[in-house]
């Protein structure tokens, strides 16, 4: 298993939001990031959190957010009980 930095959900949300907004097409005014939540780790090398990805929009924001989640999922684990 990779060593990941343990982080509070609110702090991870800030990182997710910042990176998503940096990559998101500016014309999209509907897609957003939700607070990450703790899950049972599906595999030994997987993150212990996920977010609900928005529906597919014409500007492909869902794909952008999935990329951000994949990248940060390799770096961070949620602290159990964090909000």
PDB file of N, CA and C in Angstrom:
ATOM      1  N   UNK A   1       0.842  -1.180   0.000  1.00  0.00           N
ATOM      2  CA  UNK A   1       0.000   0.000   0.000  1.00  0.00           C
ATOM      3  C   UNK A   1       0.886   1.242   0.000  1.00  0.00           C
ATOM      4  N   UNK A   2       0.473   2.233  -0.761  1.00  0.00           N
ATOM      5  CA  UNK A   2       1.192   3.504  -0.805  1.00  0.00           C
ATOM      6  C   UNK A   2       1.031   4.239   0.516  1.00  0.00           C
ATOM      7  N   UNK A   3       2.011   5.049   0.828  1.00  0.00           N
ATOM      8  CA  UNK A   3       1.892   5.922   1.977  1.00  0.00           C
ATOM      9  C   UNK A   3       1.234   7.208   1.499  1.00  0.00           C
ATOM     10  N   UNK A   4       0.104   7.509   2.104  1.00  0.00           N
ATOM     11  CA  UNK A   4      -0.635   8.714   1.744  1.00  0.00           C
ATOM     12  C   UNK A   4      -0.681   9.643   2.951  1.00  0.00           C
ATOM     13  N   UNK A   5      -0.774  10.915   2.671  1.00  0.00           N
ATOM     14  CA  UNK A   5      -0.929  11.902   3.728  1.00  0.00           C
ATOM     15  C   UNK A   5      -2.355  11.824   4.249  1.00  0.00           C
ATOM     16  N   UNK A   6      -2.503  11.757   5.557  1.00  0.00           N
ATOM     17  CA  UNK A   6      -3.843  11.738   6.162  1.00  0.00           C
ATOM     18  C   UNK A   6      -4.339  13.174   6.264  1.00  0.00           C
ATOM     19  N   UNK A   7      -5.612  13.361   5.910  1.00  0.00           N
ATOM     20  CA  UNK A   7      -6.145  14.712   5.787  1.00  0.00           C
ATOM     21  C   UNK A   7      -7.613  14.730   6.206  1.00  0.00           C
ATOM     22  N   UNK A   8      -8.049  15.849   6.714  1.00  0.00           N
ATOM     23  CA  UNK A   8      -9.455  16.039   7.068  1.00  0.00           C
ATOM     24  C   UNK A   8     -10.270  16.243   5.786  1.00  0.00           C
ATOM     25  N   UNK A   9     -11.542  15.851   5.820  1.00  0.00           N
ATOM     26  CA  UNK A   9     -12.407  15.963   4.640  1.00  0.00           C
ATOM     27  C   UNK A   9     -12.500  17.401   4.141  1.00  0.00           C
ATOM     28  N   UNK A  10     -12.618  18.353   5.040  1.00  0.00           N
ATOM     29  CA  UNK A  10     -12.736  19.757   4.634  1.00  0.00           C
ATOM     30  C   UNK A  10     -11.468  20.242   3.931  1.00  0.00           C
ATOM     31  N   UNK A  11     -10.315  19.807   4.396  1.00  0.00           N
ATOM     32  CA  UNK A  11      -9.057  20.205   3.762  1.00  0.00           C
ATOM     33  C   UNK A  11      -8.910  19.562   2.387  1.00  0.00           C
ATOM     34  N   UNK A  12      -9.311  18.293   2.272  1.00  0.00           N
ATOM     35  CA  UNK A  12      -9.270  17.623   0.976  1.00  0.00           C
ATOM     36  C   UNK A  12     -10.241  18.281   0.011  1.00  0.00           C
ATOM     37  N   UNK A  13     -11.396  18.680   0.504  1.00  0.00           N
ATOM     38  CA  UNK A  13     -12.374  19.386  -0.338  1.00  0.00           C
ATOM     39  C   UNK A  13     -11.752  20.648  -0.939  1.00  0.00           C
ATOM     40  N   UNK A  14     -11.030  21.400  -0.135  1.00  0.00           N
ATOM     41  CA  UNK A  14     -10.395  22.629  -0.623  1.00  0.00           C
ATOM     42  C   UNK A  14      -9.410  22.299  -1.752  1.00  0.00           C
ATOM     43  N   UNK A  15      -8.634  21.246  -1.585  1.00  0.00           N
ATOM     44  CA  UNK A  15      -7.679  20.856  -2.623  1.00  0.00           C
ATOM     45  C   UNK A  15      -8.395  20.402  -3.893  1.00  0.00           C
ATOM     46  N   UNK A  16      -9.436  19.589  -3.726  1.00  0.00           N
ATOM     47  CA  UNK A  16     -10.216  19.117  -4.872  1.00  0.00           C
ATOM     48  C   UNK A  16     -10.841  20.286  -5.619  1.00  0.00           C
ATOM     49  N   UNK A  17     -11.464  21.177  -4.876  1.00  0.00           N
ATOM     50  CA  UNK A  17     -12.142  22.333  -5.462  1.00  0.00           C
ATOM     51  C   UNK A  17     -11.155  23.218  -6.223  1.00  0.00           C
ATOM     52  N   UNK A  18     -10.032  23.488  -5.609  1.00  0.00           N
ATOM     53  CA  UNK A  18      -9.027  24.362  -6.225  1.00  0.00           C
ATOM     54  C   UNK A  18      -8.519  23.767  -7.542  1.00  0.00           C
ATOM     55  N   UNK A  19      -8.181  22.484  -7.512  1.00  0.00           N
ATOM     56  CA  UNK A  19      -7.642  21.855  -8.715  1.00  0.00           C
ATOM     57  C   UNK A  19      -8.710  21.701  -9.801  1.00  0.00           C
ATOM     58  N   UNK A  20      -9.930  21.364  -9.409  1.00  0.00           N
ATOM     59  CA  UNK A  20     -11.021  21.253 -10.376  1.00  0.00           C
ATOM     60  C   UNK A  20     -11.284  22.599 -11.038  1.00  0.00           C
ATOM     61  N   UNK A  21     -11.385  23.657 -10.262  1.00  0.00           N
ATOM     62  CA  UNK A  21     -11.644  24.993 -10.826  1.00  0.00           C
ATOM     63  C   UNK A  21     -10.503  25.460 -11.720  1.00  0.00           C
ATOM     64  N   UNK A  22      -9.296  25.070 -11.385  1.00  0.00           N
ATOM     65  CA  UNK A  22      -8.141  25.445 -12.207  1.00  0.00           C
ATOM     66  C   UNK A  22      -8.229  24.821 -13.602  1.00  0.00           C
ATOM     67  N   UNK A  23      -8.740  23.589 -13.690  1.00  0.00           N
ATOM     68  CA  UNK A  23      -8.805  22.859 -14.958  1.00  0.00           C
ATOM     69  C   UNK A  23     -10.143  23.003 -15.683  1.00  0.00           C
ATOM     70  N   UNK A  24     -11.176  23.351 -14.962  1.00  0.00           N
ATOM     71  CA  UNK A  24     -12.526  23.404 -15.523  1.00  0.00           C
ATOM     72  C   UNK A  24     -12.634  24.493 -16.589  1.00  0.00           C
ATOM     73  N   UNK A  25     -13.441  24.217 -17.606  1.00  0.00           N
ATOM     74  CA  UNK A  25     -13.722  25.208 -18.637  1.00  0.00           C
ATOM     75  C   UNK A  25     -14.526  26.332 -17.993  1.00  0.00           C
ATOM     76  N   UNK A  26     -14.108  27.535 -18.173  1.00  0.00           N
ATOM     77  CA  UNK A  26     -14.741  28.678 -17.498  1.00  0.00           C
ATOM     78  C   UNK A  26     -16.207  28.886 -17.878  1.00  0.00           C
ATOM     79  N   UNK A  27     -16.596  28.415 -19.028  1.00  0.00           N
ATOM     80  CA  UNK A  27     -17.979  28.596 -19.473  1.00  0.00           C
ATOM     81  C   UNK A  27     -18.979  27.770 -18.668  1.00  0.00           C
ATOM     82  N   UNK A  28     -18.530  26.723 -17.994  1.00  0.00           N
ATOM     83  CA  UNK A  28     -19.447  25.883 -17.224  1.00  0.00           C
ATOM     84  C   UNK A  28     -19.792  26.583 -15.906  1.00  0.00           C
ATOM     85  N   UNK A  29     -21.071  26.752 -15.692  1.00  0.00           N
ATOM     86  CA  UNK A  29     -21.535  27.402 -14.464  1.00  0.00           C
ATOM     87  C   UNK A  29     -22.358  26.462 -13.591  1.00  0.00           C
ATOM     88  N   UNK A  30     -22.413  25.169 -13.963  1.00  0.00           N
ATOM     89  CA  UNK A  30     -23.274  24.253 -13.220  1.00  0.00           C
ATOM     90  C   UNK A  30     -22.529  23.181 -12.440  1.00  0.00           C
ATOM     91  N   UNK A  31     -21.382  22.757 -12.874  1.00  0.00           N
ATOM     92  CA  UNK A  31     -20.677  21.646 -12.224  1.00  0.00           C
ATOM     93  C   UNK A  31     -19.896  22.138 -11.006  1.00  0.00           C
ATOM     94  N   UNK A  32     -19.798  21.280 -10.012  1.00  0.00           N
ATOM     95  CA  UNK A  32     -19.124  21.633  -8.767  1.00  0.00           C
ATOM     96  C   UNK A  32     -18.600  20.376  -8.092  1.00  0.00           C
ATOM     97  N   UNK A  33     -17.787  20.555  -7.076  1.00  0.00           N
ATOM     98  CA  UNK A  33     -17.211  19.460  -6.303  1.00  0.00           C
ATOM     99  C   UNK A  33     -17.992  19.321  -5.009  1.00  0.00           C
ATOM    100  N   UNK A  34     -18.272  18.085  -4.634  1.00  0.00           N
ATOM    101  CA  UNK A  34     -18.921  17.829  -3.352  1.00  0.00           C
ATOM    102  C   UNK A  34     -17.885  17.388  -2.326  1.00  0.00           C
ATOM    103  N   UNK A  35     -18.263  17.451  -1.073  1.00  0.00           N
ATOM    104  CA  UNK A  35     -17.371  17.047   0.015  1.00  0.00           C
ATOM    105  C   UNK A  35     -17.021  15.574  -0.127  1.00  0.00           C
ATOM    106  N   UNK A  36     -15.724  15.216  -0.054  1.00  0.00           N
ATOM    107  CA  UNK A  36     -15.359  13.797  -0.131  1.00  0.00           C
ATOM    108  C   UNK A  36     -15.850  13.057   1.115  1.00  0.00           C
ATOM    109  N   UNK A  37     -16.113  11.767   0.941  1.00  0.00           N
ATOM    110  CA  UNK A  37     -16.575  10.958   2.068  1.00  0.00           C
ATOM    111  C   UNK A  37     -15.787   9.662   2.148  1.00  0.00           C
ATOM    112  N   UNK A  38     -15.707   9.148   3.357  1.00  0.00           N
ATOM    113  CA  UNK A  38     -14.950   7.944   3.675  1.00  0.00           C
ATOM    114  C   UNK A  38     -15.665   6.713   3.135  1.00  0.00           C
ATOM    115  N   UNK A  39     -14.901   5.774   2.582  1.00  0.00           N
ATOM    116  CA  UNK A  39     -15.440   4.500   2.114  1.00  0.00           C
ATOM    117  C   UNK A  39     -14.519   3.387   2.603  1.00  0.00           C
ATOM    118  N   UNK A  40     -15.007   2.157   2.545  1.00  0.00           N
ATOM    119  CA  UNK A  40     -14.125   1.017   2.782  1.00  0.00           C
ATOM    120  C   UNK A  40     -13.204   0.917   1.581  1.00  0.00           C
ATOM    121  N   UNK A  41     -11.934   0.793   1.839  1.00  0.00           N
ATOM    122  CA  UNK A  41     -10.937   0.755   0.767  1.00  0.00           C
ATOM    123  C   UNK A  41     -11.228  -0.444  -0.152  1.00  0.00           C
ATOM    124  N   UNK A  42     -11.534  -0.198  -1.447  1.00  0.00           N
ATOM    125  CA  UNK A  42     -11.894  -1.292  -2.345  1.00  0.00           C
ATOM    126  C   UNK A  42     -10.722  -2.189  -2.733  1.00  0.00           C
ATOM    127  N   UNK A  43      -9.508  -1.698  -2.603  1.00  0.00           N
ATOM    128  CA  UNK A  43      -8.300  -2.459  -2.914  1.00  0.00           C
ATOM    129  C   UNK A  43      -7.173  -1.916  -2.042  1.00  0.00           C
ATOM    130  N   UNK A  44      -6.160  -2.728  -1.783  1.00  0.00           N
ATOM    131  CA  UNK A  44      -5.075  -2.273  -0.906  1.00  0.00           C
ATOM    132  C   UNK A  44      -4.390  -0.987  -1.359  1.00  0.00           C
ATOM    133  N   UNK A  45      -4.329  -0.745  -2.651  1.00  0.00           N
ATOM    134  CA  UNK A  45      -3.651   0.460  -3.140  1.00  0.00           C
ATOM    135  C   UNK A  45      -4.615   1.591  -3.488  1.00  0.00           C
ATOM    136  N   UNK A  46      -5.888   1.441  -3.156  1.00  0.00           N
ATOM    137  CA  UNK A  46      -6.896   2.460  -3.472  1.00  0.00           C
ATOM    138  C   UNK A  46      -7.050   3.452  -2.320  1.00  0.00           C
ATOM    139  N   UNK A  47      -7.578   4.618  -2.652  1.00  0.00           N
ATOM    140  CA  UNK A  47      -7.874   5.624  -1.627  1.00  0.00           C
ATOM    141  C   UNK A  47      -9.048   5.160  -0.773  1.00  0.00           C
ATOM    142  N   UNK A  48      -9.178   5.750   0.405  1.00  0.00           N
ATOM    143  CA  UNK A  48     -10.281   5.391   1.304  1.00  0.00           C
ATOM    144  C   UNK A  48     -11.414   6.409   1.245  1.00  0.00           C
ATOM    145  N   UNK A  49     -11.499   7.152   0.150  1.00  0.00           N
ATOM    146  CA  UNK A  49     -12.529   8.177   0.001  1.00  0.00           C
ATOM    147  C   UNK A  49     -12.955   8.277  -1.462  1.00  0.00           C
ATOM    148  N   UNK A  50     -14.087   8.917  -1.648  1.00  0.00           N
ATOM    149  CA  UNK A  50     -14.537   9.236  -2.997  1.00  0.00           C
ATOM    150  C   UNK A  50     -15.455  10.440  -2.941  1.00  0.00           C
ATOM    151  N   UNK A  51     -15.801  10.952  -4.105  1.00  0.00           N
ATOM    152  CA  UNK A  51     -16.750  12.057  -4.232  1.00  0.00           C
ATOM    153  C   UNK A  51     -17.791  11.651  -5.263  1.00  0.00           C
ATOM    154  N   UNK A  52     -18.929  12.289  -5.203  1.00  0.00           N
ATOM    155  CA  UNK A  52     -19.946  12.082  -6.224  1.00  0.00           C
ATOM    156  C   UNK A  52     -19.586  12.983  -7.392  1.00  0.00           C
ATOM    157  N   UNK A  53     -19.414  12.367  -8.545  1.00  0.00           N
ATOM    158  CA  UNK A  53     -19.024  13.098  -9.747  1.00  0.00           C
ATOM    159  C   UNK A  53     -20.283  13.609 -10.440  1.00  0.00           C
ATOM    160  N   UNK A  54     -20.264  14.862 -10.896  1.00  0.00           N
ATOM    161  CA  UNK A  54     -21.454  15.408 -11.570  1.00  0.00           C
ATOM    162  C   UNK A  54     -21.770  14.639 -12.843  1.00  0.00           C
ATOM    163  N   UNK A  55     -23.022  14.739 -13.265  1.00  0.00           N
ATOM    164  CA  UNK A  55     -23.420  14.135 -14.531  1.00  0.00           C
ATOM    165  C   UNK A  55     -22.573  14.708 -15.649  1.00  0.00           C
ATOM    166  N   UNK A  56     -22.519  13.958 -16.724  1.00  0.00           N
ATOM    167  CA  UNK A  56     -21.753  14.426 -17.877  1.00  0.00           C
ATOM    168  C   UNK A  56     -22.357  15.724 -18.414  1.00  0.00           C
ATOM    169  N   UNK A  57     -21.541  16.741 -18.528  1.00  0.00           N
ATOM    170  CA  UNK A  57     -21.983  17.988 -19.145  1.00  0.00           C
ATOM    171  C   UNK A  57     -21.292  18.110 -20.497  1.00  0.00           C
ATOM    172  N   UNK A  58     -21.742  19.016 -21.302  1.00  0.00           N
ATOM    173  CA  UNK A  58     -21.180  19.165 -22.643  1.00  0.00           C
ATOM    174  C   UNK A  58     -19.723  19.623 -22.623  1.00  0.00           C
ATOM    175  N   UNK A  59     -19.277  20.158 -21.499  1.00  0.00           N
ATOM    176  CA  UNK A  59     -17.901  20.643 -21.385  1.00  0.00           C
ATOM    177  C   UNK A  59     -16.972  19.626 -20.728  1.00  0.00           C
ATOM    178  N   UNK A  60     -17.508  18.439 -20.417  1.00  0.00           N
ATOM    179  CA  UNK A  60     -16.736  17.293 -19.905  1.00  0.00           C
ATOM    180  C   UNK A  60     -16.143  17.517 -18.515  1.00  0.00           C
ATOM    181  N   UNK A  61     -16.856  18.248 -17.696  1.00  0.00           N
ATOM    182  CA  UNK A  61     -16.381  18.506 -16.334  1.00  0.00           C
ATOM    183  C   UNK A  61     -16.242  17.218 -15.525  1.00  0.00           C
ATOM    184  N   UNK A  62     -17.115  16.252 -15.766  1.00  0.00           N
ATOM    185  CA  UNK A  62     -17.039  15.001 -15.026  1.00  0.00           C
ATOM    186  C   UNK A  62     -15.712  14.295 -15.278  1.00  0.00           C
ATOM    187  N   UNK A  63     -15.217  14.357 -16.492  1.00  0.00           N
ATOM    188  CA  UNK A  63     -13.923  13.740 -16.797  1.00  0.00           C
ATOM    189  C   UNK A  63     -12.786  14.476 -16.095  1.00  0.00           C
ATOM    190  N   UNK A  64     -12.889  15.774 -16.042  1.00  0.00           N
ATOM    191  CA  UNK A  64     -11.878  16.576 -15.353  1.00  0.00           C
ATOM    192  C   UNK A  64     -11.848  16.225 -13.879  1.00  0.00           C
ATOM    193  N   UNK A  65     -13.033  16.151 -13.255  1.00  0.00           N
ATOM    194  CA  UNK A  65     -13.077  15.832 -11.837  1.00  0.00           C
ATOM    195  C   UNK A  65     -12.573  14.414 -11.577  1.00  0.00           C
ATOM    196  N   UNK A  66     -12.886  13.471 -12.441  1.00  0.00           N
ATOM    197  CA  UNK A  66     -12.380  12.106 -12.270  1.00  0.00           C
ATOM    198  C   UNK A  66     -10.859  12.081 -12.303  1.00  0.00           C
ATOM    199  N   UNK A  67     -10.244  12.873 -13.169  1.00  0.00           N
ATOM    200  CA  UNK A  67      -8.782  12.957 -13.219  1.00  0.00           C
ATOM    201  C   UNK A  67      -8.223  13.528 -11.925  1.00  0.00           C
ATOM    202  N   UNK A  68      -8.841  14.575 -11.432  1.00  0.00           N
ATOM    203  CA  UNK A  68      -8.393  15.209 -10.188  1.00  0.00           C
ATOM    204  C   UNK A  68      -8.512  14.218  -9.022  1.00  0.00           C
ATOM    205  N   UNK A  69      -9.637  13.519  -8.956  1.00  0.00           N
ATOM    206  CA  UNK A  69      -9.848  12.532  -7.891  1.00  0.00           C
ATOM    207  C   UNK A  69      -8.799  11.423  -7.983  1.00  0.00           C
ATOM    208  N   UNK A  70      -8.511  10.950  -9.175  1.00  0.00           N
ATOM    209  CA  UNK A  70      -7.486   9.907  -9.340  1.00  0.00           C
ATOM    210  C   UNK A  70      -6.125  10.390  -8.844  1.00  0.00           C
ATOM    211  N   UNK A  71      -5.769  11.604  -9.207  1.00  0.00           N
ATOM    212  CA  UNK A  71      -4.468  12.138  -8.793  1.00  0.00           C
ATOM    213  C   UNK A  71      -4.383  12.323  -7.279  1.00  0.00           C
ATOM    214  N   UNK A  72      -5.387  12.986  -6.706  1.00  0.00           N
ATOM    215  CA  UNK A  72      -5.345  13.242  -5.260  1.00  0.00           C
ATOM    216  C   UNK A  72      -5.608  11.975  -4.459  1.00  0.00           C
ATOM    217  N   UNK A  73      -6.322  11.014  -5.057  1.00  0.00           N
ATOM    218  CA  UNK A  73      -6.551   9.733  -4.384  1.00  0.00           C
ATOM    219  C   UNK A  73      -5.267   8.963  -4.133  1.00  0.00           C
ATOM    220  N   UNK A  74      -4.267   9.199  -4.950  1.00  0.00           N
ATOM    221  CA  UNK A  74      -2.969   8.575  -4.748  1.00  0.00           C
ATOM    222  C   UNK A  74      -2.108   9.279  -3.721  1.00  0.00           C
ATOM    223  N   UNK A  75      -2.533  10.465  -3.309  1.00  0.00           N
ATOM    224  CA  UNK A  75      -1.729  11.264  -2.381  1.00  0.00           C
ATOM    225  C   UNK A  75      -2.308  11.378  -0.983  1.00  0.00           C
ATOM    226  N   UNK A  76      -3.642  11.241  -0.866  1.00  0.00           N
ATOM    227  CA  UNK A  76      -4.308  11.544   0.405  1.00  0.00           C
ATOM    228  C   UNK A  76      -5.282  10.438   0.835  1.00  0.00           C
ATOM    229  N   UNK A  77      -5.369  10.233   2.124  1.00  0.00           N
ATOM    230  CA  UNK A  77      -6.374   9.394   2.756  1.00  0.00           C
ATOM    231  C   UNK A  77      -7.142  10.247   3.754  1.00  0.00           C
ATOM    232  N   UNK A  78      -8.436  10.017   3.842  1.00  0.00           N
ATOM    233  CA  UNK A  78      -9.231  10.745   4.837  1.00  0.00           C
ATOM    234  C   UNK A  78      -8.997  10.181   6.229  1.00  0.00           C
ATOM    235  N   UNK A  79      -8.985  11.073   7.183  1.00  0.00           N
ATOM    236  CA  UNK A  79      -8.925  10.693   8.588  1.00  0.00           C
ATOM    237  C   UNK A  79     -10.316  10.203   8.969  1.00  0.00           C
ATOM    238  N   UNK A  80     -10.438   8.979   9.503  1.00  0.00           N
ATOM    239  CA  UNK A  80     -11.769   8.507   9.914  1.00  0.00           C
ATOM    240  C   UNK A  80     -12.432   9.489  10.884  1.00  0.00           C
ATOM    241  N   UNK A  81     -13.716   9.713  10.665  1.00  0.00           N
ATOM    242  CA  UNK A  81     -14.463  10.626  11.520  1.00  0.00           C
ATOM    243  C   UNK A  81     -14.332  12.092  11.162  1.00  0.00           C
ATOM    244  N   UNK A  82     -13.592  12.384  10.072  1.00  0.00           N
ATOM    245  CA  UNK A  82     -13.425  13.797   9.694  1.00  0.00           C
ATOM    246  C   UNK A  82     -14.630  14.288   8.924  1.00  0.00           C
ATOM    247  N   UNK A  83     -14.824  15.597   9.015  1.00  0.00           N
ATOM    248  CA  UNK A  83     -15.929  16.246   8.300  1.00  0.00           C
ATOM    249  C   UNK A  83     -15.445  17.500   7.666  1.00  0.00           C
TER     250      UNK A  83
END
